[in-house]
C-alpha atoms as a PDB file:
ATOM      1  CA  MET A   1     102.563 171.627 103.662  1.00  0.00           C
ATOM      2  CA  SER A   2     100.967 168.643 101.915  1.00  0.00           C
ATOM      3  CA  THR A   3      97.523 167.645 103.137  1.00  0.00           C
ATOM      4  CA  ASN A   4      97.776 164.138 101.687  1.00  0.00           C
ATOM      5  CA  GLN A   5      97.137 161.401 104.230  1.00  0.00           C
ATOM      6  CA  THR A   6      99.788 158.764 104.848  1.00  0.00           C
ATOM      7  CA  LEU A   7      99.095 155.747 102.650  1.00  0.00           C
ATOM      8  CA  SER A   8      97.972 152.657 104.539  1.00  0.00           C
ATOM      9  CA  THR A   9      99.531 149.238 104.044  1.00  0.00           C
ATOM     10  CA  ASP A  10      96.280 148.030 102.444  1.00  0.00           C
ATOM     11  CA  ARG A  11      96.419 150.894  99.924  1.00  0.00           C
ATOM     12  CA  LYS A  12     100.039 150.119  99.053  1.00  0.00           C
ATOM     13  CA  GLN A  13      99.123 146.463  98.577  1.00  0.00           C
ATOM     14  CA  GLN A  14      96.376 147.486  96.147  1.00  0.00           C
ATOM     15  CA  ILE A  15      98.752 149.744  94.195  1.00  0.00           C
ATOM     16  CA  ALA A  16     101.322 146.941  94.063  1.00  0.00           C
ATOM     17  CA  GLU A  17      98.609 144.596  92.760  1.00  0.00           C
ATOM     18  CA  ASP A  18      97.627 147.108  90.053  1.00  0.00           C
ATOM     19  CA  LEU A  19     101.303 147.500  89.145  1.00  0.00           C
ATOM     20  CA  ARG A  20     101.714 143.723  88.917  1.00  0.00           C
ATOM     21  CA  ASN A  21      98.689 143.632  86.602  1.00  0.00           C
ATOM     22  CA  TYR A  22     100.234 146.379  84.453  1.00  0.00           C
ATOM     23  CA  VAL A  23     103.573 144.574  84.167  1.00  0.00           C
ATOM     24  CA  GLN A  24     101.937 141.255  83.286  1.00  0.00           C
ATOM     25  CA  ASN A  25      99.219 142.403  80.912  1.00  0.00           C
ATOM     26  CA  VAL A  26     100.417 145.708  79.438  1.00  0.00           C
ATOM     27  CA  ALA A  27     104.211 145.380  79.477  1.00  0.00           C
ATOM     28  CA  GLY A  28     104.231 141.723  78.482  1.00  0.00           C
ATOM     29  CA  GLY A  29     105.641 140.556  81.799  1.00  0.00           C
ATOM     30  CA  SER A  30     108.716 142.805  81.564  1.00  0.00           C
ATOM     31  CA  ALA A  31     109.409 145.143  84.492  1.00  0.00           C
ATOM     32  CA  ASN A  32     112.095 146.834  82.392  1.00  0.00           C
ATOM     33  CA  LYS A  33     109.594 147.586  79.617  1.00  0.00           C
ATOM     34  CA  ALA A  34     107.070 148.840  82.181  1.00  0.00           C
ATOM     35  CA  SER A  35     109.644 151.248  83.645  1.00  0.00           C
ATOM     36  CA  LYS A  36     110.171 152.758  80.184  1.00  0.00           C
ATOM     37  CA  GLN A  37     106.417 153.149  79.631  1.00  0.00           C
ATOM     38  CA  LEU A  38     105.722 154.761  83.013  1.00  0.00           C
ATOM     39  CA  THR A  39     106.788 158.270  83.990  1.00  0.00           C
ATOM     40  CA  LYS A  40     109.353 158.609  86.811  1.00  0.00           C
ATOM     41  CA  VAL A  41     109.141 154.910  87.696  1.00  0.00           C
ATOM     42  CA  SER A  42     112.454 153.037  87.634  1.00  0.00           C
ATOM     43  CA  GLY A  43     112.935 149.302  87.304  1.00  0.00           C
ATOM     44  CA  ALA A  44     114.229 149.289  90.882  1.00  0.00           C
ATOM     45  CA  TYR A  45     111.025 150.926  92.125  1.00  0.00           C
ATOM     46  CA  ILE A  46     108.946 148.298  90.344  1.00  0.00           C
ATOM     47  CA  SER A  47     111.046 145.470  91.790  1.00  0.00           C
ATOM     48  CA  HIS A  48     110.843 146.845  95.330  1.00  0.00           C
ATOM     49  CA  MET A  49     107.093 147.486  95.138  1.00  0.00           C
ATOM     50  CA  LEU A  50     106.327 144.013  93.814  1.00  0.00           C
ATOM     51  CA  ASN A  51     108.608 142.263  96.321  1.00  0.00           C
ATOM     52  CA  GLY A  52     107.461 144.072  99.461  1.00  0.00           C
ATOM     53  CA  LYS A  53     110.626 146.155  99.948  1.00  0.00           C
ATOM     54  CA  TRP A  54     108.763 149.358 100.712  1.00  0.00           C
ATOM     55  CA  ASP A  55     110.805 151.115 103.392  1.00  0.00           C
ATOM     56  CA  ALA A  56     112.661 153.475 101.042  1.00  0.00           C
ATOM     57  CA  ILE A  57     109.655 154.272  98.814  1.00  0.00           C
ATOM     58  CA  SER A  58     107.918 157.570  99.539  1.00  0.00           C
ATOM     59  CA  ASP A  59     104.142 158.019  99.532  1.00  0.00           C
ATOM     60  CA  GLU A  60     104.617 160.466  96.650  1.00  0.00           C
ATOM     61  CA  ALA A  61     106.223 157.691  94.586  1.00  0.00           C
ATOM     62  CA  TRP A  62     103.366 155.314  95.456  1.00  0.00           C
ATOM     63  CA  ARG A  63     100.807 157.913  94.332  1.00  0.00           C
ATOM     64  CA  ASN A  64     102.673 158.510  91.082  1.00  0.00           C
ATOM     65  CA  VAL A  65     102.525 154.799  90.272  1.00  0.00           C
ATOM     66  CA  ALA A  66      98.886 154.526  91.337  1.00  0.00           C
ATOM     67  CA  ILE A  67      97.743 157.270  88.962  1.00  0.00           C
ATOM     68  CA  GLN A  68      99.411 155.538  86.008  1.00  0.00           C
ATOM     69  CA  VAL A  69      98.499 151.889  86.571  1.00  0.00           C
ATOM     70  CA  MET A  70      95.122 151.860  88.307  1.00  0.00           C
ATOM     71  CA  VAL A  71      92.123 150.385  86.518  1.00  0.00           C
ATOM     72  CA  LYS A  72      90.015 153.445  85.850  1.00  0.00           C
ATOM     73  CA  ASP A  73      86.250 153.826  85.597  1.00  0.00           C
ATOM     74  CA  TRP A  74      85.392 150.241  86.482  1.00  0.00           C
ATOM     75  CA  VAL A  75      81.668 149.598  86.142  1.00  0.00           C
ATOM     76  CA  ALA A  76      80.199 147.359  88.838  1.00  0.00           C
ATOM     77  CA  VAL A  77      77.778 144.694  87.584  1.00  0.00           C
ATOM     78  CA  GLU A  78      75.445 142.624  89.732  1.00  0.00           C
ATOM     79  CA  THR A  79      76.425 138.956  89.592  1.00  0.00           C
ATOM     80  CA  ARG A  80      74.773 135.960  91.180  1.00  0.00           C
ATOM     81  CA  SER A  81      77.558 136.126  93.788  1.00  0.00           C
ATOM     82  CA  SER A  82      77.026 139.798  94.673  1.00  0.00           C
ATOM     83  CA  LYS A  83      73.255 139.330  94.658  1.00  0.00           C
ATOM     84  CA  GLY A  84      73.539 136.480  97.176  1.00  0.00           C
ATOM     85  CA  LEU A  85      75.940 138.438  99.373  1.00  0.00           C
ATOM     86  CA  ASN A  86      73.713 141.516  99.389  1.00  0.00           C
ATOM     87  CA  VAL A  87      70.704 139.448 100.457  1.00  0.00           C
ATOM     88  CA  PHE A  88      72.558 138.288 103.581  1.00  0.00           C
ATOM     89  CA  PHE A  89      74.128 141.689 104.244  1.00  0.00           C
ATOM     90  CA  GLU A  90      70.711 143.342 104.152  1.00  0.00           C
ATOM     91  CA  ASP A  91      69.121 140.627 106.291  1.00  0.00           C
ATOM     92  CA  ALA A  92      71.869 141.037 108.896  1.00  0.00           C
ATOM     93  CA  ARG A  93      71.552 144.820 108.793  1.00  0.00           C
ATOM     94  CA  LEU A  94      67.773 145.028 109.132  1.00  0.00           C
ATOM     95  CA  HIS A  95      67.219 142.135 111.532  1.00  0.00           C
ATOM     96  CA  ALA A  96      70.492 142.013 113.514  1.00  0.00           C
ATOM     97  CA  ASN A  97      71.203 138.505 112.253  1.00  0.00           C
ATOM     98  CA  VAL A  98      74.575 136.764 112.298  1.00  0.00           C
ATOM     99  CA  PHE A  99      75.987 134.793 109.346  1.00  0.00           C
ATOM    100  CA  GLY A 100      79.134 132.909 108.397  1.00  0.00           C
ATOM    101  CA  ILE A 101      79.571 133.266 104.635  1.00  0.00           C
ATOM    102  CA  ILE A 102      82.103 131.340 102.569  1.00  0.00           C
ATOM    103  CA  ALA A 103      83.056 131.842  98.932  1.00  0.00           C
ATOM    104  CA  GLU A 104      86.054 131.131  96.747  1.00  0.00           C
ATOM    105  CA  ALA A 105      88.771 133.727  96.248  1.00  0.00           C
ATOM    106  CA  GLY A 106      87.906 136.056  93.381  1.00  0.00           C
ATOM    107  CA  THR A 107      84.144 135.753  93.900  1.00  0.00           C
ATOM    108  CA  GLY A 108      83.819 139.456  94.670  1.00  0.00           C
ATOM    109  CA  LYS A 109      83.284 139.273  98.442  1.00  0.00           C
ATOM    110  CA  THR A 110      85.416 142.290  99.326  1.00  0.00           C
ATOM    111  CA  PHE A 111      84.235 144.395  96.371  1.00  0.00           C
ATOM    112  CA  THR A 112      80.574 143.712  97.175  1.00  0.00           C
ATOM    113  CA  GLY A 113      81.175 144.472 100.847  1.00  0.00           C
ATOM    114  CA  GLU A 114      82.877 147.760  99.987  1.00  0.00           C
ATOM    115  CA  LEU A 115      79.900 148.812  97.869  1.00  0.00           C
ATOM    116  CA  PHE A 116      77.541 147.874 100.714  1.00  0.00           C
ATOM    117  CA  THR A 117      79.401 150.223 103.078  1.00  0.00           C
ATOM    118  CA  ALA A 118      77.766 153.094 101.186  1.00  0.00           C
ATOM    119  CA  LYS A 119      74.767 152.403 103.428  1.00  0.00           C
ATOM    120  CA  GLU A 120      74.718 154.083 106.819  1.00  0.00           C
ATOM    121  CA  ASN A 121      76.200 152.260 109.821  1.00  0.00           C
ATOM    122  CA  VAL A 122      77.867 149.498 107.794  1.00  0.00           C
ATOM    123  CA  PHE A 123      81.310 148.822 109.244  1.00  0.00           C
ATOM    124  CA  MET A 124      83.627 146.482 107.311  1.00  0.00           C
ATOM    125  CA  VAL A 125      87.014 145.386 108.649  1.00  0.00           C
ATOM    126  CA  LYS A 126      89.481 143.800 106.222  1.00  0.00           C
ATOM    127  CA  CYS A 127      91.205 141.325 108.513  1.00  0.00           C
ATOM    128  CA  ASN A 128      94.939 140.634 108.500  1.00  0.00           C
ATOM    129  CA  GLU A 129      97.125 137.887 109.958  1.00  0.00           C
ATOM    130  CA  TRP A 130      99.156 140.385 111.970  1.00  0.00           C
ATOM    131  CA  TYR A 131      96.196 141.861 113.836  1.00  0.00           C
ATOM    132  CA  ASN A 132      96.393 141.469 117.589  1.00  0.00           C
ATOM    133  CA  ARG A 133      93.503 142.391 119.865  1.00  0.00           C
ATOM    134  CA  LYS A 134      94.433 146.057 120.014  1.00  0.00           C
ATOM    135  CA  THR A 135      95.084 146.566 116.290  1.00  0.00           C
ATOM    136  CA  PHE A 136      91.842 144.776 115.434  1.00  0.00           C
ATOM    137  CA  LEU A 137      89.762 146.994 117.731  1.00  0.00           C
ATOM    138  CA  SER A 138      91.636 150.079 116.510  1.00  0.00           C
ATOM    139  CA  GLU A 139      90.729 149.189 112.925  1.00  0.00           C
ATOM    140  CA  LEU A 140      87.083 148.627 113.835  1.00  0.00           C
ATOM    141  CA  LEU A 141      86.983 152.021 115.533  1.00  0.00           C
ATOM    142  CA  ARG A 142      88.652 153.594 112.503  1.00  0.00           C
ATOM    143  CA  VAL A 143      86.021 152.316 110.065  1.00  0.00           C
ATOM    144  CA  MET A 144      83.388 153.565 112.515  1.00  0.00           C
ATOM    145  CA  GLY A 145      84.951 157.020 112.289  1.00  0.00           C
ATOM    146  CA  LYS A 146      86.128 156.911 115.914  1.00  0.00           C
ATOM    147  CA  ASP A 147      89.515 157.695 117.464  1.00  0.00           C
ATOM    148  CA  SER A 148      91.345 154.892 119.276  1.00  0.00           C
ATOM    149  CA  GLY A 149      94.320 156.899 120.521  1.00  0.00           C
ATOM    150  CA  GLY A 150      95.271 156.344 124.143  1.00  0.00           C
ATOM    151  CA  TYR A 151      92.605 153.697 124.771  1.00  0.00           C
ATOM    152  CA  THR A 152      93.187 150.319 126.407  1.00  0.00           C
ATOM    153  CA  VAL A 153      91.644 147.204 124.882  1.00  0.00           C
ATOM    154  CA  ALA A 154      88.823 147.382 127.431  1.00  0.00           C
ATOM    155  CA  ASP A 155      88.262 151.077 126.663  1.00  0.00           C
ATOM    156  CA  MET A 156      88.087 150.402 122.936  1.00  0.00           C
ATOM    157  CA  MET A 157      85.629 147.543 123.325  1.00  0.00           C
ATOM    158  CA  HIS A 158      83.419 149.696 125.571  1.00  0.00           C
ATOM    159  CA  HIS A 159      83.551 152.547 123.032  1.00  0.00           C
ATOM    160  CA  ILE A 160      82.587 150.186 120.193  1.00  0.00           C
ATOM    161  CA  ILE A 161      79.701 148.601 122.086  1.00  0.00           C
ATOM    162  CA  THR A 162      78.195 151.884 123.298  1.00  0.00           C
ATOM    163  CA  SER A 163      78.525 153.515 119.856  1.00  0.00           C
ATOM    164  CA  ILE A 164      76.906 150.614 118.022  1.00  0.00           C
ATOM    165  CA  GLN A 165      74.104 150.335 120.557  1.00  0.00           C
ATOM    166  CA  ARG A 166      73.133 153.919 119.679  1.00  0.00           C
ATOM    167  CA  ALA A 167      73.272 153.339 115.906  1.00  0.00           C
ATOM    168  CA  GLU A 168      70.295 152.490 113.699  1.00  0.00           C
ATOM    169  CA  ASN A 169      70.483 149.119 111.912  1.00  0.00           C
ATOM    170  CA  PRO A 170      74.261 148.678 112.302  1.00  0.00           C
ATOM    171  CA  ILE A 171      76.195 145.783 110.803  1.00  0.00           C
ATOM    172  CA  ILE A 172      79.795 144.638 111.278  1.00  0.00           C
ATOM    173  CA  ILE A 173      81.346 142.736 108.341  1.00  0.00           C
ATOM    174  CA  LEU A 174      84.598 140.895 109.067  1.00  0.00           C
ATOM    175  CA  ASP A 175      86.143 140.266 105.654  1.00  0.00           C
ATOM    176  CA  GLU A 176      88.722 137.456 105.397  1.00  0.00           C
ATOM    177  CA  ALA A 177      87.888 136.446 108.950  1.00  0.00           C
ATOM    178  CA  ASP A 178      89.928 133.253 108.541  1.00  0.00           C
ATOM    179  CA  LYS A 179      93.087 135.398 108.822  1.00  0.00           C
ATOM    180  CA  LEU A 180      92.354 136.298 112.448  1.00  0.00           C
ATOM    181  CA  SER A 181      94.172 134.518 115.245  1.00  0.00           C
ATOM    182  CA  ASP A 182      92.104 132.668 117.845  1.00  0.00           C
ATOM    183  CA  GLN A 183      92.647 135.445 120.391  1.00  0.00           C
ATOM    184  CA  VAL A 184      91.177 138.035 118.013  1.00  0.00           C
ATOM    185  CA  LEU A 185      88.458 135.733 116.688  1.00  0.00           C
ATOM    186  CA  TYR A 186      87.181 135.353 120.254  1.00  0.00           C
ATOM    187  CA  PHE A 187      86.141 139.017 120.057  1.00  0.00           C
ATOM    188  CA  PHE A 188      83.359 137.802 117.765  1.00  0.00           C
ATOM    189  CA  ILE A 189      81.864 136.016 120.770  1.00  0.00           C
ATOM    190  CA  THR A 190      82.086 139.194 122.869  1.00  0.00           C
ATOM    191  CA  LEU A 191      80.562 141.334 120.133  1.00  0.00           C
ATOM    192  CA  TYR A 192      77.745 138.821 119.683  1.00  0.00           C
ATOM    193  CA  ASN A 193      77.032 138.609 123.405  1.00  0.00           C
ATOM    194  CA  MET A 194      77.027 142.368 123.909  1.00  0.00           C
ATOM    195  CA  LEU A 195      75.134 143.259 120.719  1.00  0.00           C
ATOM    196  CA  GLU A 196      72.727 140.347 120.243  1.00  0.00           C
ATOM    197  CA  GLY A 197      69.510 141.625 118.693  1.00  0.00           C
ATOM    198  CA  LYS A 198      71.046 145.081 118.177  1.00  0.00           C
ATOM    199  CA  CYS A 199      73.678 144.620 115.472  1.00  0.00           C
ATOM    200  CA  GLY A 200      74.138 142.311 112.507  1.00  0.00           C
ATOM    201  CA  ILE A 201      77.483 140.529 112.197  1.00  0.00           C
ATOM    202  CA  VAL A 202      78.839 138.753 109.114  1.00  0.00           C
ATOM    203  CA  LEU A 203      82.008 136.650 109.080  1.00  0.00           C
ATOM    204  CA  MET A 204      83.151 136.344 105.480  1.00  0.00           C
ATOM    205  CA  ALA A 205      85.990 134.155 104.179  1.00  0.00           C
ATOM    206  CA  THR A 206      86.967 131.252 101.950  1.00  0.00           C
ATOM    207  CA  ASP A 207      86.076 127.706 103.011  1.00  0.00           C
ATOM    208  CA  HIS A 208      89.292 127.701 105.042  1.00  0.00           C
ATOM    209  CA  LEU A 209      87.289 129.310 107.860  1.00  0.00           C
ATOM    210  CA  GLU A 210      84.725 126.516 107.796  1.00  0.00           C
ATOM    211  CA  LYS A 211      87.464 123.863 107.839  1.00  0.00           C
ATOM    212  CA  ARG A 212      89.218 125.662 110.686  1.00  0.00           C
ATOM    213  CA  ILE A 213      86.059 125.791 112.781  1.00  0.00           C
ATOM    214  CA  GLU A 214      85.294 122.127 112.056  1.00  0.00           C
ATOM    215  CA  LYS A 215      88.815 121.147 113.128  1.00  0.00           C
ATOM    216  CA  GLY A 216      88.507 123.265 116.264  1.00  0.00           C
ATOM    217  CA  LEU A 217      85.272 121.485 117.123  1.00  0.00           C
ATOM    218  CA  ARG A 218      86.863 118.059 116.662  1.00  0.00           C
ATOM    219  CA  LEU A 219      89.783 119.035 118.901  1.00  0.00           C
ATOM    220  CA  ASN A 220      87.482 120.737 121.415  1.00  0.00           C
ATOM    221  CA  ARG A 221      89.426 123.987 121.183  1.00  0.00           C
ATOM    222  CA  LYS A 222      88.455 126.831 123.453  1.00  0.00           C
ATOM    223  CA  GLY A 223      85.725 129.073 122.039  1.00  0.00           C
ATOM    224  CA  TYR A 224      85.004 127.124 118.865  1.00  0.00           C
ATOM    225  CA  LYS A 225      81.706 125.661 120.048  1.00  0.00           C
ATOM    226  CA  GLU A 226      80.581 129.149 121.030  1.00  0.00           C
ATOM    227  CA  ILE A 227      81.576 130.595 117.652  1.00  0.00           C
ATOM    228  CA  TYR A 228      79.864 127.812 115.707  1.00  0.00           C
ATOM    229  CA  SER A 229      76.685 128.112 117.793  1.00  0.00           C
ATOM    230  CA  ARG A 230      76.481 131.859 117.243  1.00  0.00           C
ATOM    231  CA  LEU A 231      76.805 131.330 113.489  1.00  0.00           C
ATOM    232  CA  GLY A 232      73.690 129.154 113.581  1.00  0.00           C
ATOM    233  CA  ARG A 233      75.796 125.989 113.334  1.00  0.00           C
ATOM    234  CA  LYS A 234      76.255 126.372 109.576  1.00  0.00           C
ATOM    235  CA  PHE A 235      78.195 128.281 106.943  1.00  0.00           C
ATOM    236  CA  ILE A 236      76.459 129.722 103.906  1.00  0.00           C
ATOM    237  CA  PRO A 237      78.184 129.094 100.548  1.00  0.00           C
ATOM    238  CA  ILE A 238      78.061 131.769  97.853  1.00  0.00           C
ATOM    239  CA  PRO A 239      78.369 130.527  94.235  1.00  0.00           C
ATOM    240  CA  LYS A 240      81.111 131.628  91.878  1.00  0.00           C
ATOM    241  CA  PRO A 241      80.226 134.049  89.064  1.00  0.00           C
ATOM    242  CA  ASN A 242      79.128 132.161  85.948  1.00  0.00           C
ATOM    243  CA  ASP A 243      79.706 132.803  82.236  1.00  0.00           C
ATOM    244  CA  LYS A 244      76.664 135.061  82.038  1.00  0.00           C
ATOM    245  CA  ASP A 245      78.002 137.222  84.880  1.00  0.00           C
ATOM    246  CA  ILE A 246      81.436 137.561  83.275  1.00  0.00           C
ATOM    247  CA  THR A 247      79.905 138.401  79.900  1.00  0.00           C
ATOM    248  CA  ALA A 248      77.864 141.185  81.521  1.00  0.00           C
ATOM    249  CA  ILE A 249      81.006 142.549  83.231  1.00  0.00           C
ATOM    250  CA  CYS A 250      82.936 142.566  79.954  1.00  0.00           C
ATOM    251  CA  LEU A 251      80.150 144.323  78.046  1.00  0.00           C
ATOM    252  CA  ALA A 252      79.617 146.921  80.781  1.00  0.00           C
ATOM    253  CA  ASN A 253      83.330 147.717  80.801  1.00  0.00           C
ATOM    254  CA  GLY A 254      83.788 148.181  77.081  1.00  0.00           C
ATOM    255  CA  VAL A 255      84.812 144.748  75.793  1.00  0.00           C
ATOM    256  CA  GLN A 256      82.236 143.949  73.115  1.00  0.00           C
ATOM    257  CA  ASP A 257      83.892 141.405  70.825  1.00  0.00           C
ATOM    258  CA  ALA A 258      82.292 137.984  71.347  1.00  0.00           C
ATOM    259  CA  LEU A 259      85.510 136.015  70.796  1.00  0.00           C
ATOM    260  CA  THR A 260      87.399 138.242  73.228  1.00  0.00           C
ATOM    261  CA  VAL A 261      84.672 137.831  75.845  1.00  0.00           C
ATOM    262  CA  LYS A 262      84.822 134.055  75.383  1.00  0.00           C
ATOM    263  CA  ARG A 263      88.591 134.116  75.839  1.00  0.00           C
ATOM    264  CA  ILE A 264      88.254 136.138  79.053  1.00  0.00           C
ATOM    265  CA  ILE A 265      85.678 133.670  80.354  1.00  0.00           C
ATOM    266  CA  ASN A 266      87.990 130.740  79.656  1.00  0.00           C
ATOM    267  CA  GLU A 267      91.146 132.353  81.019  1.00  0.00           C
ATOM    268  CA  SER A 268      89.580 133.825  84.165  1.00  0.00           C
ATOM    269  CA  GLU A 269      88.150 130.526  85.499  1.00  0.00           C
ATOM    270  CA  GLY A 270      85.455 132.472  87.337  1.00  0.00           C
ATOM    271  CA  ASP A 271      87.932 134.676  89.238  1.00  0.00           C
ATOM    272  CA  LEU A 272      86.711 138.284  89.047  1.00  0.00           C
ATOM    273  CA  ARG A 273      90.152 139.679  89.864  1.00  0.00           C
ATOM    274  CA  ARG A 274      91.440 137.905  86.773  1.00  0.00           C
ATOM    275  CA  VAL A 275      88.463 139.164  84.762  1.00  0.00           C
ATOM    276  CA  LYS A 276      89.310 142.737  85.741  1.00  0.00           C
ATOM    277  CA  ARG A 277      92.949 142.298  84.739  1.00  0.00           C
ATOM    278  CA  LEU A 278      92.052 140.769  81.371  1.00  0.00           C
ATOM    279  CA  VAL A 279      89.496 143.481  80.585  1.00  0.00           C
ATOM    280  CA  HIS A 280      92.037 146.148  81.562  1.00  0.00           C
ATOM    281  CA  ALA A 281      94.702 144.557  79.367  1.00  0.00           C
ATOM    282  CA  GLU A 282      92.300 144.316  76.420  1.00  0.00           C
ATOM    283  CA  LYS A 283      91.332 147.979  76.716  1.00  0.00           C
ATOM    284  CA  ASN A 284      95.005 148.995  76.874  1.00  0.00           C
ATOM    285  CA  ARG A 285      95.716 147.047  73.708  1.00  0.00           C
ATOM    286  CA  GLY A 286      92.796 148.812  72.087  1.00  0.00           C
END
């Protein structure tokens, strides 16, 4: 019997993104050409994976694609964006502070957060639009290494609070917090109230979260004043990676030619996801 775990939706999304990158940058935008280059991957599989038609695709097929298209051996480089994020992560972790951090898409928020979870008692939830109260708490328990089976919402919240209260220098990072519905976002208030002075909390998103909170304040929506107050009544902007950062990433990941590096800088427009794709494509051409 296979011991492989069932692939999560997030993992499938990442594989689909890597496949999209492969089709665009290695197969010249042709799914048909990509299917001929990849082993046991039909054009229909590629179409279904890229268009979200996943029901008939087995986990074995997903893993086969992942092995062939993933960006291997990526070297992480400290950028001014990751440096700024880590300063606030560490402050929140050591001093139980609470921050609302905003940065453009492609700045490296999620990647930096994932690296920070290597520290003990760092719990990062990647938020989704479809989370309700129960799925959100289940995911938080999962990243804490706890079982949520059979629990009510109240049970899960109690389990989270008591577990975190016993932990040393814990921090909860809510990545893409702007995707949460109001009902789920209100849990931030509960977590703050129950864990104030005992756990750091970071809400991390694009500036859409800031605009949403500002609109909620203007319309006097329930809970928005409480959320804004607990964030210190301000959002902290993180700068985009600059040319120096992108050059360092290219060099660390094997792209040495100055003209090629310049092209990647120009084409990426400061988006690190695009940088990764372009570096990957360049290495495949090589």
